[in-house]
Amino acid sequence: VFLKHGVEANIFINMAAKAAAVSFKITLTSDPKLPYKVLKVPEATPFTHVLKFAAEEFKVPPETSAIITNDGIGINPAQSAGNVFLKHGSELRLIPRDRVGA
């Protein structure tokens, strides 16, 4: 019985690991070289976590950063990564807010 339970647990873990994911190419617009990072996250990930991780990867403060589309539309981070992907696509831009209007 324990072996069967262990097998079922492994199947569940493998299914969770294969959960749908989305990929974002996030470009740092404040750097003239326009560096970018590609992040792949589960669809259900809160977009606030994506914003925070991307900002930390570029070594800019997440609390004063925003993510916008290539068309300049601001993205409300209070939604899932899957929703952002469906609404705005995969190519996004990270801007430190102190750079807005500068």
PDB file of N, CA and C in Angstrom:
ATOM      1  N   VAL A   1       0.833  -1.191   0.000  1.00  0.00           N
ATOM      2  CA  VAL A   1       0.000   0.000   0.000  1.00  0.00           C
ATOM      3  C   VAL A   1       0.875   1.252   0.000  1.00  0.00           C
ATOM      4  N   PHE A   2       1.948   1.272   0.771  1.00  0.00           N
ATOM      5  CA  PHE A   2       2.831   2.434   0.814  1.00  0.00           C
ATOM      6  C   PHE A   2       3.438   2.713  -0.561  1.00  0.00           C
ATOM      7  N   LEU A   3       3.857   1.662  -1.256  1.00  0.00           N
ATOM      8  CA  LEU A   3       4.455   1.828  -2.576  1.00  0.00           C
ATOM      9  C   LEU A   3       3.446   2.439  -3.538  1.00  0.00           C
ATOM     10  N   LYS A   4       2.204   1.937  -3.474  1.00  0.00           N
ATOM     11  CA  LYS A   4       1.175   2.486  -4.355  1.00  0.00           C
ATOM     12  C   LYS A   4       0.938   3.963  -4.054  1.00  0.00           C
ATOM     13  N   HIS A   5       0.874   4.294  -2.758  1.00  0.00           N
ATOM     14  CA  HIS A   5       0.677   5.692  -2.366  1.00  0.00           C
ATOM     15  C   HIS A   5       1.843   6.544  -2.860  1.00  0.00           C
ATOM     16  N   GLY A   6       3.063   6.035  -2.742  1.00  0.00           N
ATOM     17  CA  GLY A   6       4.240   6.759  -3.210  1.00  0.00           C
ATOM     18  C   GLY A   6       4.193   6.982  -4.706  1.00  0.00           C
ATOM     19  N   VAL A   7       3.741   6.001  -5.460  1.00  0.00           N
ATOM     20  CA  VAL A   7       3.630   6.137  -6.908  1.00  0.00           C
ATOM     21  C   VAL A   7       2.598   7.209  -7.247  1.00  0.00           C
ATOM     22  N   GLU A   8       1.457   7.183  -6.564  1.00  0.00           N
ATOM     23  CA  GLU A   8       0.436   8.197  -6.811  1.00  0.00           C
ATOM     24  C   GLU A   8       0.964   9.589  -6.491  1.00  0.00           C
ATOM     25  N   ALA A   9       1.729   9.711  -5.413  1.00  0.00           N
ATOM     26  CA  ALA A   9       2.292  11.004  -5.043  1.00  0.00           C
ATOM     27  C   ALA A   9       3.266  11.474  -6.117  1.00  0.00           C
ATOM     28  N   ASN A  10       4.081  10.568  -6.652  1.00  0.00           N
ATOM     29  CA  ASN A  10       5.025  10.951  -7.705  1.00  0.00           C
ATOM     30  C   ASN A  10       4.300  11.396  -8.967  1.00  0.00           C
ATOM     31  N   ILE A  11       3.223  10.721  -9.306  1.00  0.00           N
ATOM     32  CA  ILE A  11       2.446  11.112 -10.486  1.00  0.00           C
ATOM     33  C   ILE A  11       1.878  12.513 -10.280  1.00  0.00           C
ATOM     34  N   PHE A  12       1.347  12.785  -9.092  1.00  0.00           N
ATOM     35  CA  PHE A  12       0.801  14.106  -8.789  1.00  0.00           C
ATOM     36  C   PHE A  12       1.883  15.175  -8.882  1.00  0.00           C
ATOM     37  N   ILE A  13       3.058  14.910  -8.335  1.00  0.00           N
ATOM     38  CA  ILE A  13       4.157  15.871  -8.378  1.00  0.00           C
ATOM     39  C   ILE A  13       4.587  16.118  -9.820  1.00  0.00           C
ATOM     40  N   ASN A  14       4.682  15.059 -10.613  1.00  0.00           N
ATOM     41  CA  ASN A  14       5.067  15.221 -12.013  1.00  0.00           C
ATOM     42  C   ASN A  14       4.029  16.016 -12.787  1.00  0.00           C
ATOM     43  N   MET A  15       2.758  15.813 -12.499  1.00  0.00           N
ATOM     44  CA  MET A  15       1.705  16.564 -13.176  1.00  0.00           C
ATOM     45  C   MET A  15       1.793  18.041 -12.797  1.00  0.00           C
ATOM     46  N   ALA A  16       2.068  18.327 -11.525  1.00  0.00           N
ATOM     47  CA  ALA A  16       2.187  19.711 -11.080  1.00  0.00           C
ATOM     48  C   ALA A  16       3.397  20.371 -11.725  1.00  0.00           C
ATOM     49  N   ALA A  17       4.483  19.611 -11.885  1.00  0.00           N
ATOM     50  CA  ALA A  17       5.683  20.156 -12.508  1.00  0.00           C
ATOM     51  C   ALA A  17       5.446  20.486 -13.973  1.00  0.00           C
ATOM     52  N   LYS A  18       4.493  19.812 -14.593  1.00  0.00           N
ATOM     53  CA  LYS A  18       4.202  20.045 -16.003  1.00  0.00           C
ATOM     54  C   LYS A  18       3.064  21.043 -16.192  1.00  0.00           C
ATOM     55  N   ALA A  19       2.724  21.775 -15.151  1.00  0.00           N
ATOM     56  CA  ALA A  19       1.652  22.766 -15.240  1.00  0.00           C
ATOM     57  C   ALA A  19       1.991  23.774 -16.332  1.00  0.00           C
ATOM     58  N   ALA A  20       0.970  24.335 -16.935  1.00  0.00           N
ATOM     59  CA  ALA A  20       1.157  25.291 -18.022  1.00  0.00           C
ATOM     60  C   ALA A  20       2.005  26.469 -17.568  1.00  0.00           C
ATOM     61  N   ALA A  21       2.903  26.874 -18.438  1.00  0.00           N
ATOM     62  CA  ALA A  21       3.797  27.982 -18.122  1.00  0.00           C
ATOM     63  C   ALA A  21       3.742  29.011 -19.238  1.00  0.00           C
ATOM     64  N   VAL A  22       4.127  30.236 -18.892  1.00  0.00           N
ATOM     65  CA  VAL A  22       4.231  31.310 -19.874  1.00  0.00           C
ATOM     66  C   VAL A  22       5.646  31.870 -19.818  1.00  0.00           C
ATOM     67  N   SER A  23       6.071  32.430 -20.917  1.00  0.00           N
ATOM     68  CA  SER A  23       7.422  32.964 -21.020  1.00  0.00           C
ATOM     69  C   SER A  23       7.351  34.440 -21.384  1.00  0.00           C
ATOM     70  N   PHE A  24       8.164  35.256 -20.711  1.00  0.00           N
ATOM     71  CA  PHE A  24       8.222  36.688 -20.978  1.00  0.00           C
ATOM     72  C   PHE A  24       9.645  37.092 -21.325  1.00  0.00           C
ATOM     73  N   LYS A  25       9.787  37.949 -22.329  1.00  0.00           N
ATOM     74  CA  LYS A  25      11.060  38.594 -22.640  1.00  0.00           C
ATOM     75  C   LYS A  25      10.931  40.004 -22.082  1.00  0.00           C
ATOM     76  N   ILE A  26      11.682  40.288 -21.022  1.00  0.00           N
ATOM     77  CA  ILE A  26      11.578  41.578 -20.346  1.00  0.00           C
ATOM     78  C   ILE A  26      12.856  42.377 -20.610  1.00  0.00           C
ATOM     79  N   THR A  27      12.685  43.558 -21.202  1.00  0.00           N
ATOM     80  CA  THR A  27      13.808  44.421 -21.572  1.00  0.00           C
ATOM     81  C   THR A  27      13.917  45.570 -20.576  1.00  0.00           C
ATOM     82  N   LEU A  28      15.141  45.866 -20.146  1.00  0.00           N
ATOM     83  CA  LEU A  28      15.385  47.002 -19.252  1.00  0.00           C
ATOM     84  C   LEU A  28      15.562  48.247 -20.106  1.00  0.00           C
ATOM     85  N   THR A  29      14.574  49.138 -20.091  1.00  0.00           N
ATOM     86  CA  THR A  29      14.592  50.298 -20.992  1.00  0.00           C
ATOM     87  C   THR A  29      15.494  51.430 -20.501  1.00  0.00           C
ATOM     88  N   SER A  30      15.886  51.420 -19.242  1.00  0.00           N
ATOM     89  CA  SER A  30      16.723  52.504 -18.738  1.00  0.00           C
ATOM     90  C   SER A  30      18.187  52.339 -19.127  1.00  0.00           C
ATOM     91  N   ASP A  31      18.560  51.194 -19.681  1.00  0.00           N
ATOM     92  CA  ASP A  31      19.933  50.931 -20.106  1.00  0.00           C
ATOM     93  C   ASP A  31      20.005  51.088 -21.621  1.00  0.00           C
ATOM     94  N   PRO A  32      20.904  51.943 -22.123  1.00  0.00           N
ATOM     95  CA  PRO A  32      20.993  52.146 -23.571  1.00  0.00           C
ATOM     96  C   PRO A  32      21.295  50.868 -24.366  1.00  0.00           C
ATOM     97  N   LYS A  33      21.893  49.886 -23.733  1.00  0.00           N
ATOM     98  CA  LYS A  33      22.193  48.619 -24.415  1.00  0.00           C
ATOM     99  C   LYS A  33      20.967  47.722 -24.530  1.00  0.00           C
ATOM    100  N   LEU A  34      19.872  48.092 -23.852  1.00  0.00           N
ATOM    101  CA  LEU A  34      18.607  47.345 -23.845  1.00  0.00           C
ATOM    102  C   LEU A  34      18.792  45.854 -23.538  1.00  0.00           C
ATOM    103  N   PRO A  35      19.398  45.553 -22.376  1.00  0.00           N
ATOM    104  CA  PRO A  35      19.529  44.139 -22.010  1.00  0.00           C
ATOM    105  C   PRO A  35      18.162  43.532 -21.720  1.00  0.00           C
ATOM    106  N   TYR A  36      18.052  42.233 -21.884  1.00  0.00           N
ATOM    107  CA  TYR A  36      16.778  41.577 -21.608  1.00  0.00           C
ATOM    108  C   TYR A  36      17.002  40.250 -20.909  1.00  0.00           C
ATOM    109  N   LYS A  37      15.959  39.790 -20.252  1.00  0.00           N
ATOM    110  CA  LYS A  37      15.938  38.483 -19.590  1.00  0.00           C
ATOM    111  C   LYS A  37      14.682  37.771 -20.066  1.00  0.00           C
ATOM    112  N   VAL A  38      14.786  36.477 -20.232  1.00  0.00           N
ATOM    113  CA  VAL A  38      13.626  35.658 -20.566  1.00  0.00           C
ATOM    114  C   VAL A  38      13.251  34.881 -19.315  1.00  0.00           C
ATOM    115  N   LEU A  39      12.031  35.060 -18.859  1.00  0.00           N
ATOM    116  CA  LEU A  39      11.539  34.399 -17.655  1.00  0.00           C
ATOM    117  C   LEU A  39      10.412  33.458 -18.029  1.00  0.00           C
ATOM    118  N   LYS A  40      10.472  32.235 -17.547  1.00  0.00           N
ATOM    119  CA  LYS A  40       9.395  31.264 -17.759  1.00  0.00           C
ATOM    120  C   LYS A  40       8.813  30.927 -16.395  1.00  0.00           C
ATOM    121  N   VAL A  41       7.521  31.186 -16.252  1.00  0.00           N
ATOM    122  CA  VAL A  41       6.857  30.995 -14.959  1.00  0.00           C
ATOM    123  C   VAL A  41       5.529  30.275 -15.154  1.00  0.00           C
ATOM    124  N   PRO A  42       5.034  29.601 -14.123  1.00  0.00           N
ATOM    125  CA  PRO A  42       3.693  28.996 -14.218  1.00  0.00           C
ATOM    126  C   PRO A  42       2.634  30.080 -14.449  1.00  0.00           C
ATOM    127  N   GLU A  43       1.599  29.720 -15.192  1.00  0.00           N
ATOM    128  CA  GLU A  43       0.521  30.676 -15.504  1.00  0.00           C
ATOM    129  C   GLU A  43      -0.086  31.317 -14.268  1.00  0.00           C
ATOM    130  N   ALA A  44      -0.181  30.561 -13.198  1.00  0.00           N
ATOM    131  CA  ALA A  44      -0.861  31.054 -11.995  1.00  0.00           C
ATOM    132  C   ALA A  44       0.010  31.967 -11.135  1.00  0.00           C
ATOM    133  N   THR A  45       1.262  32.172 -11.498  1.00  0.00           N
ATOM    134  CA  THR A  45       2.157  33.016 -10.709  1.00  0.00           C
ATOM    135  C   THR A  45       1.619  34.444 -10.648  1.00  0.00           C
ATOM    136  N   PRO A  46       1.544  35.021  -9.450  1.00  0.00           N
ATOM    137  CA  PRO A  46       1.136  36.434  -9.370  1.00  0.00           C
ATOM    138  C   PRO A  46       2.148  37.300 -10.132  1.00  0.00           C
ATOM    139  N   PHE A  47       1.659  38.233 -10.936  1.00  0.00           N
ATOM    140  CA  PHE A  47       2.572  39.046 -11.743  1.00  0.00           C
ATOM    141  C   PHE A  47       3.440  39.948 -10.878  1.00  0.00           C
ATOM    142  N   THR A  48       3.009  40.226  -9.657  1.00  0.00           N
ATOM    143  CA  THR A  48       3.857  41.004  -8.739  1.00  0.00           C
ATOM    144  C   THR A  48       5.171  40.260  -8.495  1.00  0.00           C
ATOM    145  N   HIS A  49       5.127  38.931  -8.451  1.00  0.00           N
ATOM    146  CA  HIS A  49       6.352  38.145  -8.251  1.00  0.00           C
ATOM    147  C   HIS A  49       7.249  38.226  -9.480  1.00  0.00           C
ATOM    148  N   VAL A  50       6.645  38.237 -10.664  1.00  0.00           N
ATOM    149  CA  VAL A  50       7.419  38.369 -11.901  1.00  0.00           C
ATOM    150  C   VAL A  50       8.117  39.725 -11.923  1.00  0.00           C
ATOM    151  N   LEU A  51       7.388  40.778 -11.579  1.00  0.00           N
ATOM    152  CA  LEU A  51       7.952  42.129 -11.535  1.00  0.00           C
ATOM    153  C   LEU A  51       9.115  42.201 -10.550  1.00  0.00           C
ATOM    154  N   LYS A  52       8.912  41.666  -9.366  1.00  0.00           N
ATOM    155  CA  LYS A  52       9.958  41.713  -8.337  1.00  0.00           C
ATOM    156  C   LYS A  52      11.200  40.944  -8.788  1.00  0.00           C
ATOM    157  N   PHE A  53      11.010  39.748  -9.324  1.00  0.00           N
ATOM    158  CA  PHE A  53      12.146  38.937  -9.748  1.00  0.00           C
ATOM    159  C   PHE A  53      12.900  39.613 -10.892  1.00  0.00           C
ATOM    160  N   ALA A  54      12.171  40.142 -11.868  1.00  0.00           N
ATOM    161  CA  ALA A  54      12.819  40.803 -13.008  1.00  0.00           C
ATOM    162  C   ALA A  54      13.626  42.015 -12.541  1.00  0.00           C
ATOM    163  N   ALA A  55      13.045  42.823 -11.665  1.00  0.00           N
ATOM    164  CA  ALA A  55      13.753  44.001 -11.154  1.00  0.00           C
ATOM    165  C   ALA A  55      15.027  43.594 -10.420  1.00  0.00           C
ATOM    166  N   GLU A  56      14.940  42.566  -9.593  1.00  0.00           N
ATOM    167  CA  GLU A  56      16.121  42.108  -8.868  1.00  0.00           C
ATOM    168  C   GLU A  56      17.186  41.562  -9.820  1.00  0.00           C
ATOM    169  N   GLU A  57      16.765  40.891 -10.885  1.00  0.00           N
ATOM    170  CA  GLU A  57      17.718  40.374 -11.876  1.00  0.00           C
ATOM    171  C   GLU A  57      18.477  41.518 -12.549  1.00  0.00           C
ATOM    172  N   PHE A  58      17.809  42.646 -12.786  1.00  0.00           N
ATOM    173  CA  PHE A  58      18.451  43.800 -13.414  1.00  0.00           C
ATOM    174  C   PHE A  58      19.082  44.740 -12.393  1.00  0.00           C
ATOM    175  N   LYS A  59      19.007  44.375 -11.115  1.00  0.00           N
ATOM    176  CA  LYS A  59      19.580  45.170 -10.027  1.00  0.00           C
ATOM    177  C   LYS A  59      18.986  46.581  -9.952  1.00  0.00           C
ATOM    178  N   VAL A  60      17.664  46.661 -10.128  1.00  0.00           N
ATOM    179  CA  VAL A  60      16.941  47.918  -9.918  1.00  0.00           C
ATOM    180  C   VAL A  60      15.920  47.660  -8.811  1.00  0.00           C
ATOM    181  N   PRO A  61      15.570  48.681  -8.048  1.00  0.00           N
ATOM    182  CA  PRO A  61      14.635  48.461  -6.930  1.00  0.00           C
ATOM    183  C   PRO A  61      13.234  48.088  -7.422  1.00  0.00           C
ATOM    184  N   PRO A  62      12.704  46.945  -6.992  1.00  0.00           N
ATOM    185  CA  PRO A  62      11.374  46.530  -7.445  1.00  0.00           C
ATOM    186  C   PRO A  62      10.258  47.450  -6.978  1.00  0.00           C
ATOM    187  N   GLU A  63      10.437  48.093  -5.811  1.00  0.00           N
ATOM    188  CA  GLU A  63       9.358  48.941  -5.304  1.00  0.00           C
ATOM    189  C   GLU A  63       9.160  50.190  -6.141  1.00  0.00           C
ATOM    190  N   THR A  64      10.153  50.592  -6.911  1.00  0.00           N
ATOM    191  CA  THR A  64      10.027  51.791  -7.755  1.00  0.00           C
ATOM    192  C   THR A  64      10.101  51.440  -9.235  1.00  0.00           C
ATOM    193  N   SER A  65       9.724  50.228  -9.585  1.00  0.00           N
ATOM    194  CA  SER A  65       9.766  49.788 -10.979  1.00  0.00           C
ATOM    195  C   SER A  65       8.362  49.453 -11.472  1.00  0.00           C
ATOM    196  N   ALA A  66       8.212  49.504 -12.778  1.00  0.00           N
ATOM    197  CA  ALA A  66       6.945  49.142 -13.411  1.00  0.00           C
ATOM    198  C   ALA A  66       7.252  48.356 -14.676  1.00  0.00           C
ATOM    199  N   ILE A  67       6.287  47.569 -15.107  1.00  0.00           N
ATOM    200  CA  ILE A  67       6.416  46.851 -16.369  1.00  0.00           C
ATOM    201  C   ILE A  67       5.361  47.396 -17.312  1.00  0.00           C
ATOM    202  N   ILE A  68       5.808  47.693 -18.537  1.00  0.00           N
ATOM    203  CA  ILE A  68       4.918  48.222 -19.560  1.00  0.00           C
ATOM    204  C   ILE A  68       5.022  47.353 -20.815  1.00  0.00           C
ATOM    205  N   THR A  69       4.084  47.536 -21.728  1.00  0.00           N
ATOM    206  CA  THR A  69       4.144  46.838 -23.013  1.00  0.00           C
ATOM    207  C   THR A  69       5.088  47.602 -23.936  1.00  0.00           C
ATOM    208  N   ASN A  70       5.379  47.030 -25.085  1.00  0.00           N
ATOM    209  CA  ASN A  70       6.200  47.729 -26.077  1.00  0.00           C
ATOM    210  C   ASN A  70       5.500  48.971 -26.612  1.00  0.00           C
ATOM    211  N   ASP A  71       4.175  49.022 -26.471  1.00  0.00           N
ATOM    212  CA  ASP A  71       3.400  50.188 -26.901  1.00  0.00           C
ATOM    213  C   ASP A  71       3.302  51.258 -25.816  1.00  0.00           C
ATOM    214  N   GLY A  72       3.908  50.999 -24.651  1.00  0.00           N
ATOM    215  CA  GLY A  72       3.901  51.970 -23.564  1.00  0.00           C
ATOM    216  C   GLY A  72       2.721  51.875 -22.628  1.00  0.00           C
ATOM    217  N   ILE A  73       1.938  50.814 -22.721  1.00  0.00           N
ATOM    218  CA  ILE A  73       0.780  50.638 -21.848  1.00  0.00           C
ATOM    219  C   ILE A  73       1.235  50.018 -20.529  1.00  0.00           C
ATOM    220  N   GLY A  74       0.877  50.666 -19.429  1.00  0.00           N
ATOM    221  CA  GLY A  74       1.228  50.151 -18.112  1.00  0.00           C
ATOM    222  C   GLY A  74       0.453  48.891 -17.786  1.00  0.00           C
ATOM    223  N   ILE A  75       1.105  47.970 -17.078  1.00  0.00           N
ATOM    224  CA  ILE A  75       0.472  46.705 -16.714  1.00  0.00           C
ATOM    225  C   ILE A  75       0.219  46.687 -15.217  1.00  0.00           C
ATOM    226  N   ASN A  76      -1.034  46.457 -14.841  1.00  0.00           N
ATOM    227  CA  ASN A  76      -1.386  46.311 -13.432  1.00  0.00           C
ATOM    228  C   ASN A  76      -0.836  44.970 -12.954  1.00  0.00           C
ATOM    229  N   PRO A  77       0.074  44.967 -11.976  1.00  0.00           N
ATOM    230  CA  PRO A  77       0.673  43.708 -11.536  1.00  0.00           C
ATOM    231  C   PRO A  77      -0.244  42.846 -10.667  1.00  0.00           C
ATOM    232  N   ALA A  78      -1.435  43.338 -10.329  1.00  0.00           N
ATOM    233  CA  ALA A  78      -2.358  42.588  -9.473  1.00  0.00           C
ATOM    234  C   ALA A  78      -3.190  41.596 -10.288  1.00  0.00           C
ATOM    235  N   GLN A  79      -2.507  40.723 -11.019  1.00  0.00           N
ATOM    236  CA  GLN A  79      -3.163  39.678 -11.807  1.00  0.00           C
ATOM    237  C   GLN A  79      -2.159  38.553 -12.026  1.00  0.00           C
ATOM    238  N   SER A  80      -2.597  37.485 -12.613  1.00  0.00           N
ATOM    239  CA  SER A  80      -1.704  36.346 -12.819  1.00  0.00           C
ATOM    240  C   SER A  80      -0.832  36.557 -14.055  1.00  0.00           C
ATOM    241  N   ALA A  81       0.281  35.850 -14.080  1.00  0.00           N
ATOM    242  CA  ALA A  81       1.175  35.910 -15.237  1.00  0.00           C
ATOM    243  C   ALA A  81       0.441  35.440 -16.493  1.00  0.00           C
ATOM    244  N   GLY A  82      -0.417  34.446 -16.359  1.00  0.00           N
ATOM    245  CA  GLY A  82      -1.181  33.950 -17.498  1.00  0.00           C
ATOM    246  C   GLY A  82      -2.085  35.017 -18.084  1.00  0.00           C
ATOM    247  N   ASN A  83      -2.745  35.797 -17.224  1.00  0.00           N
ATOM    248  CA  ASN A  83      -3.608  36.886 -17.697  1.00  0.00           C
ATOM    249  C   ASN A  83      -2.800  37.953 -18.429  1.00  0.00           C
ATOM    250  N   VAL A  84      -1.641  38.309 -17.875  1.00  0.00           N
ATOM    251  CA  VAL A  84      -0.791  39.311 -18.523  1.00  0.00           C
ATOM    252  C   VAL A  84      -0.356  38.807 -19.890  1.00  0.00           C
ATOM    253  N   PHE A  85       0.034  37.545 -19.960  1.00  0.00           N
ATOM    254  CA  PHE A  85       0.470  36.965 -21.232  1.00  0.00           C
ATOM    255  C   PHE A  85      -0.653  37.017 -22.264  1.00  0.00           C
ATOM    256  N   LEU A  86      -1.862  36.647 -21.856  1.00  0.00           N
ATOM    257  CA  LEU A  86      -2.995  36.655 -22.790  1.00  0.00           C
ATOM    258  C   LEU A  86      -3.361  38.067 -23.246  1.00  0.00           C
ATOM    259  N   LYS A  87      -3.299  39.039 -22.327  1.00  0.00           N
ATOM    260  CA  LYS A  87      -3.705  40.407 -22.653  1.00  0.00           C
ATOM    261  C   LYS A  87      -2.633  41.186 -23.414  1.00  0.00           C
ATOM    262  N   HIS A  88      -1.351  40.951 -23.061  1.00  0.00           N
ATOM    263  CA  HIS A  88      -0.286  41.826 -23.553  1.00  0.00           C
ATOM    264  C   HIS A  88       0.824  41.119 -24.331  1.00  0.00           C
ATOM    265  N   GLY A  89       0.835  39.801 -24.341  1.00  0.00           N
ATOM    266  CA  GLY A  89       1.883  39.078 -25.064  1.00  0.00           C
ATOM    267  C   GLY A  89       3.121  38.840 -24.214  1.00  0.00           C
ATOM    268  N   SER A  90       4.183  38.434 -24.873  1.00  0.00           N
ATOM    269  CA  SER A  90       5.375  37.995 -24.143  1.00  0.00           C
ATOM    270  C   SER A  90       6.476  39.042 -24.065  1.00  0.00           C
ATOM    271  N   GLU A  91       6.437  40.079 -24.907  1.00  0.00           N
ATOM    272  CA  GLU A  91       7.514  41.073 -24.899  1.00  0.00           C
ATOM    273  C   GLU A  91       7.103  42.292 -24.092  1.00  0.00           C
ATOM    274  N   LEU A  92       7.818  42.495 -22.980  1.00  0.00           N
ATOM    275  CA  LEU A  92       7.494  43.569 -22.049  1.00  0.00           C
ATOM    276  C   LEU A  92       8.740  44.383 -21.733  1.00  0.00           C
ATOM    277  N   ARG A  93       8.527  45.541 -21.116  1.00  0.00           N
ATOM    278  CA  ARG A  93       9.638  46.423 -20.753  1.00  0.00           C
ATOM    279  C   ARG A  93       9.572  46.774 -19.268  1.00  0.00           C
ATOM    280  N   LEU A  94      10.730  46.752 -18.641  1.00  0.00           N
ATOM    281  CA  LEU A  94      10.847  47.128 -17.234  1.00  0.00           C
ATOM    282  C   LEU A  94      11.409  48.545 -17.173  1.00  0.00           C
ATOM    283  N   ILE A  95      10.722  49.418 -16.448  1.00  0.00           N
ATOM    284  CA  ILE A  95      11.216  50.785 -16.281  1.00  0.00           C
ATOM    285  C   ILE A  95      11.250  51.128 -14.800  1.00  0.00           C
ATOM    286  N   PRO A  96      12.375  51.657 -14.340  1.00  0.00           N
ATOM    287  CA  PRO A  96      12.390  52.219 -12.977  1.00  0.00           C
ATOM    288  C   PRO A  96      11.492  53.458 -12.980  1.00  0.00           C
ATOM    289  N   ARG A  97      10.597  53.583 -12.042  1.00  0.00           N
ATOM    290  CA  ARG A  97       9.615  54.679 -12.051  1.00  0.00           C
ATOM    291  C   ARG A  97      10.246  56.048 -11.956  1.00  0.00           C
ATOM    292  N   ASP A  98      11.436  56.159 -11.370  1.00  0.00           N
ATOM    293  CA  ASP A  98      12.080  57.467 -11.299  1.00  0.00           C
ATOM    294  C   ASP A  98      12.542  57.927 -12.681  1.00  0.00           C
ATOM    295  N   ARG A  99      12.471  57.045 -13.670  1.00  0.00           N
ATOM    296  CA  ARG A  99      12.844  57.384 -15.051  1.00  0.00           C
ATOM    297  C   ARG A  99      11.642  57.838 -15.886  1.00  0.00           C
ATOM    298  N   VAL A 100      10.449  57.646 -15.371  1.00  0.00           N
ATOM    299  CA  VAL A 100       9.256  58.016 -16.130  1.00  0.00           C
ATOM    300  C   VAL A 100       9.255  59.523 -16.337  1.00  0.00           C
ATOM    301  N   GLY A 101       9.133  59.950 -17.590  1.00  0.00           N
ATOM    302  CA  GLY A 101       9.112  61.365 -17.917  1.00  0.00           C
ATOM    303  C   GLY A 101      10.488  62.002 -17.940  1.00  0.00           C
ATOM    304  N   ALA A 102      11.527  61.225 -17.681  1.00  0.00           N
ATOM    305  CA  ALA A 102      12.889  61.805 -17.667  1.00  0.00           C
ATOM    306  C   ALA A 102      13.511  61.762 -19.040  1.00  0.00           C
TER     307      ALA A 102
END
